[in-house]
Full PDB file with SEQRES, HELIX, SHEET, SSBOND, CRYST1, ORIGX, SCALE, CONECT and MASTER records, all heavy atoms in Angstrom:
SEQRES   1 A   38  VAL MET ALA ALA LEU VAL VAL ALA GLU GLY GLN LYS ALA          
SEQRES   2 A   38  LEU VAL GLY SER LEU LEU ALA VAL ILE ALA THR GLY SER          
SEQRES   3 A   38  GLU ASN PRO ALA ASP VAL LYS LYS LYS ILE ALA GLY              
HELIX    1 AA1 PRO A   29  LYS A   35  1                                   7    
SHEET    1 AA1 2 MET A   2  LEU A   5  0                                        
SHEET    2 AA1 2 ALA A  20  ILE A  22 -1                                        
CRYST1    1.000    1.000    1.000  90.00  90.00  90.00 P 1           1          
ORIGX1      1.000000  0.000000  0.000000        0.00000                         
ORIGX2      0.000000  1.000000  0.000000        0.00000                         
ORIGX3      0.000000  0.000000  1.000000        0.00000                         
SCALE1      1.000000  0.000000  0.000000        0.00000                         
SCALE2      0.000000  1.000000  0.000000        0.00000                         
SCALE3      0.000000  0.000000  1.000000        0.00000                         
ATOM      1  N   VAL A   1       0.854  -1.185   0.000  1.00  0.00           N  
ATOM      2  CA  VAL A   1       0.000   0.000   0.000  1.00  0.00           C  
ATOM      3  C   VAL A   1       0.891   1.235   0.000  1.00  0.00           C  
ATOM      4  O   VAL A   1       1.880   1.293   0.740  1.00  0.00           O  
ATOM      5  CB  VAL A   1      -0.925   0.025   1.233  1.00  0.00           C  
ATOM      6  CG1 VAL A   1      -1.741   1.317   1.264  1.00  0.00           C  
ATOM      7  CG2 VAL A   1      -1.858  -1.183   1.223  1.00  0.00           C  
ATOM      8  N   MET A   2       0.568   2.211  -0.839  1.00  0.00           N  
ATOM      9  CA  MET A   2       1.332   3.453  -0.857  1.00  0.00           C  
ATOM     10  C   MET A   2       1.096   4.187   0.460  1.00  0.00           C  
ATOM     11  O   MET A   2       0.039   4.750   0.698  1.00  0.00           O  
ATOM     12  CB  MET A   2       0.909   4.327  -2.039  1.00  0.00           C  
ATOM     13  CG  MET A   2       1.762   5.587  -2.216  1.00  0.00           C  
ATOM     14  SD  MET A   2       3.485   5.221  -2.615  1.00  0.00           S  
ATOM     15  CE  MET A   2       3.334   4.717  -4.342  1.00  0.00           C  
ATOM     16  N   ALA A   3       2.116   4.156   1.324  1.00  0.00           N  
ATOM     17  CA  ALA A   3       1.957   4.713   2.669  1.00  0.00           C  
ATOM     18  C   ALA A   3       2.185   6.213   2.704  1.00  0.00           C  
ATOM     19  O   ALA A   3       1.492   6.932   3.441  1.00  0.00           O  
ATOM     20  CB  ALA A   3       2.927   4.024   3.633  1.00  0.00           C  
ATOM     21  N   ALA A   4       3.149   6.716   1.944  1.00  0.00           N  
ATOM     22  CA  ALA A   4       3.470   8.140   2.015  1.00  0.00           C  
ATOM     23  C   ALA A   4       4.095   8.620   0.722  1.00  0.00           C  
ATOM     24  O   ALA A   4       4.982   7.958   0.168  1.00  0.00           O  
ATOM     25  CB  ALA A   4       4.411   8.419   3.185  1.00  0.00           C  
ATOM     26  N   LEU A   5       3.619   9.760   0.236  1.00  0.00           N  
ATOM     27  CA  LEU A   5       4.223  10.446  -0.904  1.00  0.00           C  
ATOM     28  C   LEU A   5       5.036  11.597  -0.327  1.00  0.00           C  
ATOM     29  O   LEU A   5       4.478  12.578   0.163  1.00  0.00           O  
ATOM     30  CB  LEU A   5       3.156  10.957  -1.871  1.00  0.00           C  
ATOM     31  CG  LEU A   5       2.199   9.902  -2.452  1.00  0.00           C  
ATOM     32  CD1 LEU A   5       1.190  10.565  -3.381  1.00  0.00           C  
ATOM     33  CD2 LEU A   5       2.976   8.820  -3.197  1.00  0.00           C  
ATOM     34  N   VAL A   6       6.337  11.488  -0.373  1.00  0.00           N  
ATOM     35  CA  VAL A   6       7.220  12.459   0.274  1.00  0.00           C  
ATOM     36  C   VAL A   6       7.435  13.690  -0.592  1.00  0.00           C  
ATOM     37  O   VAL A   6       7.517  14.812  -0.097  1.00  0.00           O  
ATOM     38  CB  VAL A   6       8.568  11.796   0.615  1.00  0.00           C  
ATOM     39  CG1 VAL A   6       9.525  12.790   1.249  1.00  0.00           C  
ATOM     40  CG2 VAL A   6       8.348  10.604   1.535  1.00  0.00           C  
ATOM     41  N   VAL A   7       7.534  13.504  -1.904  1.00  0.00           N  
ATOM     42  CA  VAL A   7       7.803  14.609  -2.833  1.00  0.00           C  
ATOM     43  C   VAL A   7       6.527  14.944  -3.591  1.00  0.00           C  
ATOM     44  O   VAL A   7       5.865  14.062  -4.139  1.00  0.00           O  
ATOM     45  CB  VAL A   7       8.928  14.232  -3.818  1.00  0.00           C  
ATOM     46  CG1 VAL A   7       9.139  15.327  -4.849  1.00  0.00           C  
ATOM     47  CG2 VAL A   7      10.223  13.970  -3.053  1.00  0.00           C  
ATOM     48  N   ALA A   8       6.204  16.214  -3.633  1.00  0.00           N  
ATOM     49  CA  ALA A   8       4.984  16.659  -4.303  1.00  0.00           C  
ATOM     50  C   ALA A   8       5.194  16.747  -5.815  1.00  0.00           C  
ATOM     51  O   ALA A   8       6.321  16.865  -6.296  1.00  0.00           O  
ATOM     52  CB  ALA A   8       4.557  18.024  -3.763  1.00  0.00           C  
ATOM     53  N   GLU A   9       4.110  16.688  -6.567  1.00  0.00           N  
ATOM     54  CA  GLU A   9       4.180  16.819  -8.014  1.00  0.00           C  
ATOM     55  C   GLU A   9       4.770  18.176  -8.393  1.00  0.00           C  
ATOM     56  O   GLU A   9       4.438  19.205  -7.799  1.00  0.00           O  
ATOM     57  CB  GLU A   9       2.788  16.661  -8.629  1.00  0.00           C  
ATOM     58  CG  GLU A   9       2.227  15.254  -8.493  1.00  0.00           C  
ATOM     59  CD  GLU A   9       0.873  15.102  -9.175  1.00  0.00           C  
ATOM     60  OE1 GLU A   9       0.348  16.118  -9.668  1.00  0.00           O  
ATOM     61  OE2 GLU A   9       0.343  13.975  -9.220  1.00  0.00           O  
ATOM     62  N   GLY A  10       5.698  18.155  -9.356  1.00  0.00           N  
ATOM     63  CA  GLY A  10       6.351  19.377  -9.788  1.00  0.00           C  
ATOM     64  C   GLY A  10       7.599  19.713  -8.997  1.00  0.00           C  
ATOM     65  O   GLY A  10       8.335  20.637  -9.355  1.00  0.00           O  
ATOM     66  N   GLN A  11       7.865  18.964  -7.930  1.00  0.00           N  
ATOM     67  CA  GLN A  11       9.021  19.239  -7.075  1.00  0.00           C  
ATOM     68  C   GLN A  11      10.245  18.473  -7.570  1.00  0.00           C  
ATOM     69  O   GLN A  11      10.153  17.344  -8.036  1.00  0.00           O  
ATOM     70  CB  GLN A  11       8.709  18.827  -5.639  1.00  0.00           C  
ATOM     71  CG  GLN A  11       9.811  19.133  -4.635  1.00  0.00           C  
ATOM     72  CD  GLN A  11       9.396  18.762  -3.213  1.00  0.00           C  
ATOM     73  OE1 GLN A  11       8.216  18.589  -2.920  1.00  0.00           O  
ATOM     74  NE2 GLN A  11      10.386  18.628  -2.332  1.00  0.00           N  
ATOM     75  N   LYS A  12      11.414  19.114  -7.463  1.00  0.00           N  
ATOM     76  CA  LYS A  12      12.669  18.473  -7.833  1.00  0.00           C  
ATOM     77  C   LYS A  12      13.210  17.675  -6.648  1.00  0.00           C  
ATOM     78  O   LYS A  12      12.965  18.029  -5.498  1.00  0.00           O  
ATOM     79  CB  LYS A  12      13.699  19.507  -8.272  1.00  0.00           C  
ATOM     80  CG  LYS A  12      13.327  20.241  -9.557  1.00  0.00           C  
ATOM     81  CD  LYS A  12      14.399  21.235  -9.949  1.00  0.00           C  
ATOM     82  CE  LYS A  12      14.020  21.952 -11.249  1.00  0.00           C  
ATOM     83  NZ  LYS A  12      15.052  22.931 -11.672  1.00  0.00           N  
ATOM     84  N   ALA A  13      13.945  16.633  -6.947  1.00  0.00           N  
ATOM     85  CA  ALA A  13      14.538  15.795  -5.899  1.00  0.00           C  
ATOM     86  C   ALA A  13      15.911  15.331  -6.343  1.00  0.00           C  
ATOM     87  O   ALA A  13      16.109  14.974  -7.513  1.00  0.00           O  
ATOM     88  CB  ALA A  13      13.642  14.587  -5.606  1.00  0.00           C  
ATOM     89  N   LEU A  14      16.873  15.356  -5.418  1.00  0.00           N  
ATOM     90  CA  LEU A  14      18.217  14.893  -5.720  1.00  0.00           C  
ATOM     91  C   LEU A  14      18.233  13.387  -5.930  1.00  0.00           C  
ATOM     92  O   LEU A  14      17.398  12.660  -5.384  1.00  0.00           O  
ATOM     93  CB  LEU A  14      19.167  15.261  -4.576  1.00  0.00           C  
ATOM     94  CG  LEU A  14      19.402  16.754  -4.328  1.00  0.00           C  
ATOM     95  CD1 LEU A  14      20.262  16.933  -3.080  1.00  0.00           C  
ATOM     96  CD2 LEU A  14      20.061  17.412  -5.531  1.00  0.00           C  
ATOM     97  N   VAL A  15      19.173  12.931  -6.740  1.00  0.00           N  
ATOM     98  CA  VAL A  15      19.342  11.497  -6.945  1.00  0.00           C  
ATOM     99  C   VAL A  15      19.611  10.823  -5.598  1.00  0.00           C  
ATOM    100  O   VAL A  15      20.419  11.290  -4.802  1.00  0.00           O  
ATOM    101  CB  VAL A  15      20.516  11.231  -7.909  1.00  0.00           C  
ATOM    102  CG1 VAL A  15      20.906   9.753  -7.893  1.00  0.00           C  
ATOM    103  CG2 VAL A  15      20.159  11.667  -9.318  1.00  0.00           C  
ATOM    104  N   GLY A  16      18.890   9.762  -5.323  1.00  0.00           N  
ATOM    105  CA  GLY A  16      19.049   9.033  -4.074  1.00  0.00           C  
ATOM    106  C   GLY A  16      18.137   9.493  -2.964  1.00  0.00           C  
ATOM    107  O   GLY A  16      18.056   8.832  -1.930  1.00  0.00           O  
ATOM    108  N   SER A  17      17.457  10.622  -3.156  1.00  0.00           N  
ATOM    109  CA  SER A  17      16.571  11.112  -2.097  1.00  0.00           C  
ATOM    110  C   SER A  17      15.240  10.375  -2.123  1.00  0.00           C  
ATOM    111  O   SER A  17      14.829   9.813  -3.134  1.00  0.00           O  
ATOM    112  CB  SER A  17      16.354  12.617  -2.239  1.00  0.00           C  
ATOM    113  OG  SER A  17      15.753  12.922  -3.492  1.00  0.00           O  
ATOM    114  N   LEU A  18      14.568  10.393  -1.004  1.00  0.00           N  
ATOM    115  CA  LEU A  18      13.333   9.631  -0.831  1.00  0.00           C  
ATOM    116  C   LEU A  18      12.172  10.290  -1.560  1.00  0.00           C  
ATOM    117  O   LEU A  18      11.938  11.490  -1.440  1.00  0.00           O  
ATOM    118  CB  LEU A  18      13.011   9.525   0.662  1.00  0.00           C  
ATOM    119  CG  LEU A  18      11.869   8.601   1.061  1.00  0.00           C  
ATOM    120  CD1 LEU A  18      12.200   7.151   0.728  1.00  0.00           C  
ATOM    121  CD2 LEU A  18      11.574   8.759   2.557  1.00  0.00           C  
ATOM    122  N   LEU A  19      11.442   9.495  -2.330  1.00  0.00           N  
ATOM    123  CA  LEU A  19      10.262   9.982  -3.042  1.00  0.00           C  
ATOM    124  C   LEU A  19       8.966   9.512  -2.384  1.00  0.00           C  
ATOM    125  O   LEU A  19       8.008  10.273  -2.287  1.00  0.00           O  
ATOM    126  CB  LEU A  19      10.283   9.505  -4.499  1.00  0.00           C  
ATOM    127  CG  LEU A  19      11.465   9.932  -5.364  1.00  0.00           C  
ATOM    128  CD1 LEU A  19      11.299   9.364  -6.777  1.00  0.00           C  
ATOM    129  CD2 LEU A  19      11.586  11.452  -5.412  1.00  0.00           C  
ATOM    130  N   ALA A  20       8.954   8.267  -1.973  1.00  0.00           N  
ATOM    131  CA  ALA A  20       7.737   7.695  -1.390  1.00  0.00           C  
ATOM    132  C   ALA A  20       8.096   6.414  -0.648  1.00  0.00           C  
ATOM    133  O   ALA A  20       9.212   5.904  -0.758  1.00  0.00           O  
ATOM    134  CB  ALA A  20       6.691   7.417  -2.472  1.00  0.00           C  
ATOM    135  N   VAL A  21       7.126   5.895   0.117  1.00  0.00           N  
ATOM    136  CA  VAL A  21       7.325   4.647   0.863  1.00  0.00           C  
ATOM    137  C   VAL A  21       6.102   3.766   0.679  1.00  0.00           C  
ATOM    138  O   VAL A  21       4.962   4.236   0.760  1.00  0.00           O  
ATOM    139  CB  VAL A  21       7.556   4.914   2.367  1.00  0.00           C  
ATOM    140  CG1 VAL A  21       7.758   3.592   3.113  1.00  0.00           C  
ATOM    141  CG2 VAL A  21       8.753   5.814   2.588  1.00  0.00           C  
ATOM    142  N   ILE A  22       6.364   2.488   0.441  1.00  0.00           N  
ATOM    143  CA  ILE A  22       5.296   1.501   0.308  1.00  0.00           C  
ATOM    144  C   ILE A  22       5.282   0.603   1.541  1.00  0.00           C  
ATOM    145  O   ILE A  22       6.325   0.087   1.953  1.00  0.00           O  
ATOM    146  CB  ILE A  22       5.489   0.641  -0.955  1.00  0.00           C  
ATOM    147  CG1 ILE A  22       5.356   1.497  -2.216  1.00  0.00           C  
ATOM    148  CG2 ILE A  22       4.482  -0.501  -0.996  1.00  0.00           C  
ATOM    149  CD1 ILE A  22       5.623   0.736  -3.492  1.00  0.00           C  
ATOM    150  N   ALA A  23       4.119   0.453   2.141  1.00  0.00           N  
ATOM    151  CA  ALA A  23       3.960  -0.474   3.270  1.00  0.00           C  
ATOM    152  C   ALA A  23       3.693  -1.868   2.701  1.00  0.00           C  
ATOM    153  O   ALA A  23       2.780  -2.061   1.912  1.00  0.00           O  
ATOM    154  CB  ALA A  23       2.796  -0.041   4.146  1.00  0.00           C  
ATOM    155  N   THR A  24       4.546  -2.804   3.058  1.00  0.00           N  
ATOM    156  CA  THR A  24       4.408  -4.155   2.532  1.00  0.00           C  
ATOM    157  C   THR A  24       3.963  -5.112   3.634  1.00  0.00           C  
ATOM    158  O   THR A  24       4.009  -4.788   4.823  1.00  0.00           O  
ATOM    159  CB  THR A  24       5.747  -4.645   1.948  1.00  0.00           C  
ATOM    160  OG1 THR A  24       6.726  -4.650   2.989  1.00  0.00           O  
ATOM    161  CG2 THR A  24       6.216  -3.742   0.817  1.00  0.00           C  
ATOM    162  N   GLY A  25       3.544  -6.288   3.238  1.00  0.00           N  
ATOM    163  CA  GLY A  25       3.132  -7.316   4.201  1.00  0.00           C  
ATOM    164  C   GLY A  25       1.955  -6.846   5.047  1.00  0.00           C  
ATOM    165  O   GLY A  25       0.990  -6.274   4.555  1.00  0.00           O  
ATOM    166  N   SER A  26       2.085  -7.052   6.354  1.00  0.00           N  
ATOM    167  CA  SER A  26       0.990  -6.714   7.275  1.00  0.00           C  
ATOM    168  C   SER A  26       1.192  -5.354   7.931  1.00  0.00           C  
ATOM    169  O   SER A  26       0.502  -5.023   8.908  1.00  0.00           O  
ATOM    170  CB  SER A  26       0.870  -7.802   8.352  1.00  0.00           C  
ATOM    171  OG  SER A  26       2.086  -7.909   9.084  1.00  0.00           O  
ATOM    172  N   GLU A  27       2.125  -4.567   7.429  1.00  0.00           N  
ATOM    173  CA  GLU A  27       2.403  -3.264   8.026  1.00  0.00           C  
ATOM    174  C   GLU A  27       1.199  -2.344   7.927  1.00  0.00           C  
ATOM    175  O   GLU A  27       0.431  -2.382   6.956  1.00  0.00           O  
ATOM    176  CB  GLU A  27       3.583  -2.602   7.321  1.00  0.00           C  
ATOM    177  CG  GLU A  27       4.931  -3.268   7.572  1.00  0.00           C  
ATOM    178  CD  GLU A  27       6.035  -2.562   6.812  1.00  0.00           C  
ATOM    179  OE1 GLU A  27       5.892  -2.404   5.587  1.00  0.00           O  
ATOM    180  OE2 GLU A  27       7.031  -2.165   7.447  1.00  0.00           O  
ATOM    181  N   ASN A  28       1.065  -1.488   8.927  1.00  0.00           N  
ATOM    182  CA  ASN A  28       0.026  -0.471   8.910  1.00  0.00           C  
ATOM    183  C   ASN A  28       0.569   0.748   8.166  1.00  0.00           C  
ATOM    184  O   ASN A  28       1.552   1.345   8.595  1.00  0.00           O  
ATOM    185  CB  ASN A  28      -0.354  -0.086  10.345  1.00  0.00           C  
ATOM    186  CG  ASN A  28      -1.541   0.850  10.383  1.00  0.00           C  
ATOM    187  OD1 ASN A  28      -1.682   1.733   9.540  1.00  0.00           O  
ATOM    188  ND2 ASN A  28      -2.405   0.675  11.375  1.00  0.00           N  
ATOM    189  N   PRO A  29      -0.051   1.153   7.058  1.00  0.00           N  
ATOM    190  CA  PRO A  29       0.448   2.291   6.294  1.00  0.00           C  
ATOM    191  C   PRO A  29       0.584   3.561   7.130  1.00  0.00           C  
ATOM    192  O   PRO A  29       1.525   4.337   6.936  1.00  0.00           O  
ATOM    193  CB  PRO A  29      -0.606   2.450   5.196  1.00  0.00           C  
ATOM    194  CG  PRO A  29      -1.164   1.076   5.018  1.00  0.00           C  
ATOM    195  CD  PRO A  29      -1.196   0.496   6.393  1.00  0.00           C  
ATOM    196  N   ALA A  30      -0.338   3.766   8.072  1.00  0.00           N  
ATOM    197  CA  ALA A  30      -0.265   4.963   8.908  1.00  0.00           C  
ATOM    198  C   ALA A  30       0.975   4.949   9.787  1.00  0.00           C  
ATOM    199  O   ALA A  30       1.633   5.983   9.980  1.00  0.00           O  
ATOM    200  CB  ALA A  30      -1.526   5.067   9.765  1.00  0.00           C  
ATOM    201  N   ASP A  31       1.316   3.775  10.325  1.00  0.00           N  
ATOM    202  CA  ASP A  31       2.518   3.667  11.152  1.00  0.00           C  
ATOM    203  C   ASP A  31       3.782   3.895  10.326  1.00  0.00           C  
ATOM    204  O   ASP A  31       4.741   4.542  10.769  1.00  0.00           O  
ATOM    205  CB  ASP A  31       2.580   2.285  11.808  1.00  0.00           C  
ATOM    206  CG  ASP A  31       1.475   2.080  12.827  1.00  0.00           C  
ATOM    207  OD1 ASP A  31       0.931   3.095  13.312  1.00  0.00           O  
ATOM    208  OD2 ASP A  31       1.149   0.908  13.121  1.00  0.00           O  
ATOM    209  N   VAL A  32       3.782   3.396   9.101  1.00  0.00           N  
ATOM    210  CA  VAL A  32       4.934   3.578   8.224  1.00  0.00           C  
ATOM    211  C   VAL A  32       5.124   5.062   7.897  1.00  0.00           C  
ATOM    212  O   VAL A  32       6.236   5.576   7.893  1.00  0.00           O  
ATOM    213  CB  VAL A  32       4.759   2.764   6.921  1.00  0.00           C  
ATOM    214  CG1 VAL A  32       5.858   3.108   5.921  1.00  0.00           C  
ATOM    215  CG2 VAL A  32       4.768   1.269   7.221  1.00  0.00           C  
ATOM    216  N   LYS A  33       4.016   5.757   7.665  1.00  0.00           N  
ATOM    217  CA  LYS A  33       4.094   7.179   7.340  1.00  0.00           C  
ATOM    218  C   LYS A  33       4.689   7.976   8.488  1.00  0.00           C  
ATOM    219  O   LYS A  33       5.473   8.910   8.278  1.00  0.00           O  
ATOM    220  CB  LYS A  33       2.704   7.695   6.984  1.00  0.00           C  
ATOM    221  CG  LYS A  33       2.690   9.146   6.519  1.00  0.00           C  
ATOM    222  CD  LYS A  33       1.314   9.558   6.028  1.00  0.00           C  
ATOM    223  CE  LYS A  33       1.338  11.002   5.520  1.00  0.00           C  
ATOM    224  NZ  LYS A  33       0.021  11.425   4.996  1.00  0.00           N  
ATOM    225  N   LYS A  34       4.333   7.590   9.728  1.00  0.00           N  
ATOM    226  CA  LYS A  34       4.869   8.298  10.891  1.00  0.00           C  
ATOM    227  C   LYS A  34       6.377   8.085  11.020  1.00  0.00           C  
ATOM    228  O   LYS A  34       7.118   8.994  11.365  1.00  0.00           O  
ATOM    229  CB  LYS A  34       4.169   7.815  12.163  1.00  0.00           C  
ATOM    230  CG  LYS A  34       2.712   8.244  12.275  1.00  0.00           C  
ATOM    231  CD  LYS A  34       2.093   7.706  13.562  1.00  0.00           C  
ATOM    232  CE  LYS A  34       0.615   8.099  13.675  1.00  0.00           C  
ATOM    233  NZ  LYS A  34      -0.004   7.545  14.908  1.00  0.00           N  
ATOM    234  N   LYS A  35       6.827   6.872  10.718  1.00  0.00           N  
ATOM    235  CA  LYS A  35       8.242   6.545  10.875  1.00  0.00           C  
ATOM    236  C   LYS A  35       9.133   7.330   9.909  1.00  0.00           C  
ATOM    237  O   LYS A  35      10.277   7.651  10.234  1.00  0.00           O  
ATOM    238  CB  LYS A  35       8.459   5.052  10.670  1.00  0.00           C  
ATOM    239  CG  LYS A  35       7.890   4.182  11.776  1.00  0.00           C  
ATOM    240  CD  LYS A  35       8.165   2.712  11.484  1.00  0.00           C  
ATOM    241  CE  LYS A  35       7.568   1.821  12.575  1.00  0.00           C  
ATOM    242  NZ  LYS A  35       7.822   0.374  12.308  1.00  0.00           N  
ATOM    243  N   ILE A  36       8.619   7.643   8.726  1.00  0.00           N  
ATOM    244  CA  ILE A  36       9.482   8.298   7.725  1.00  0.00           C  
ATOM    245  C   ILE A  36       9.375   9.816   7.804  1.00  0.00           C  
ATOM    246  O   ILE A  36      10.062  10.524   7.067  1.00  0.00           O  
ATOM    247  CB  ILE A  36       9.135   7.828   6.300  1.00  0.00           C  
ATOM    248  CG1 ILE A  36       7.679   8.172   5.933  1.00  0.00           C  
ATOM    249  CG2 ILE A  36       9.397   6.350   6.147  1.00  0.00           C  
ATOM    250  CD1 ILE A  36       7.529   9.418   5.146  1.00  0.00           C  
ATOM    251  N   ALA A  37       8.551  10.338   8.702  1.00  0.00           N  
ATOM    252  CA  ALA A  37       8.335  11.791   8.763  1.00  0.00           C  
ATOM    253  C   ALA A  37       9.629  12.562   9.004  1.00  0.00           C  
ATOM    254  O   ALA A  37       9.852  13.628   8.439  1.00  0.00           O  
ATOM    255  CB  ALA A  37       7.316  12.119   9.849  1.00  0.00           C  
ATOM    256  N   GLY A  38      10.529  12.012   9.827  1.00  0.00           N  
ATOM    257  CA  GLY A  38      11.733  12.747  10.182  1.00  0.00           C  
ATOM    258  C   GLY A  38      12.895  12.583   9.234  1.00  0.00           C  
ATOM    259  O   GLY A  38      13.909  13.265   9.375  1.00  0.00           O  
TER     260      GLY A  38                                                      
MASTER        0    0    0    1    2    0    0    6  259    1    0    3          
END                                                                             
């Protein structure tokens, strides 16, 4: 499940930087989104 979209449409991002996170398996997408906030 797509847990978090870190970069907005139209925004530039450096190579290697985080764009988004997918929650896999039995993970809770909301919990995954909280973990990547920082």
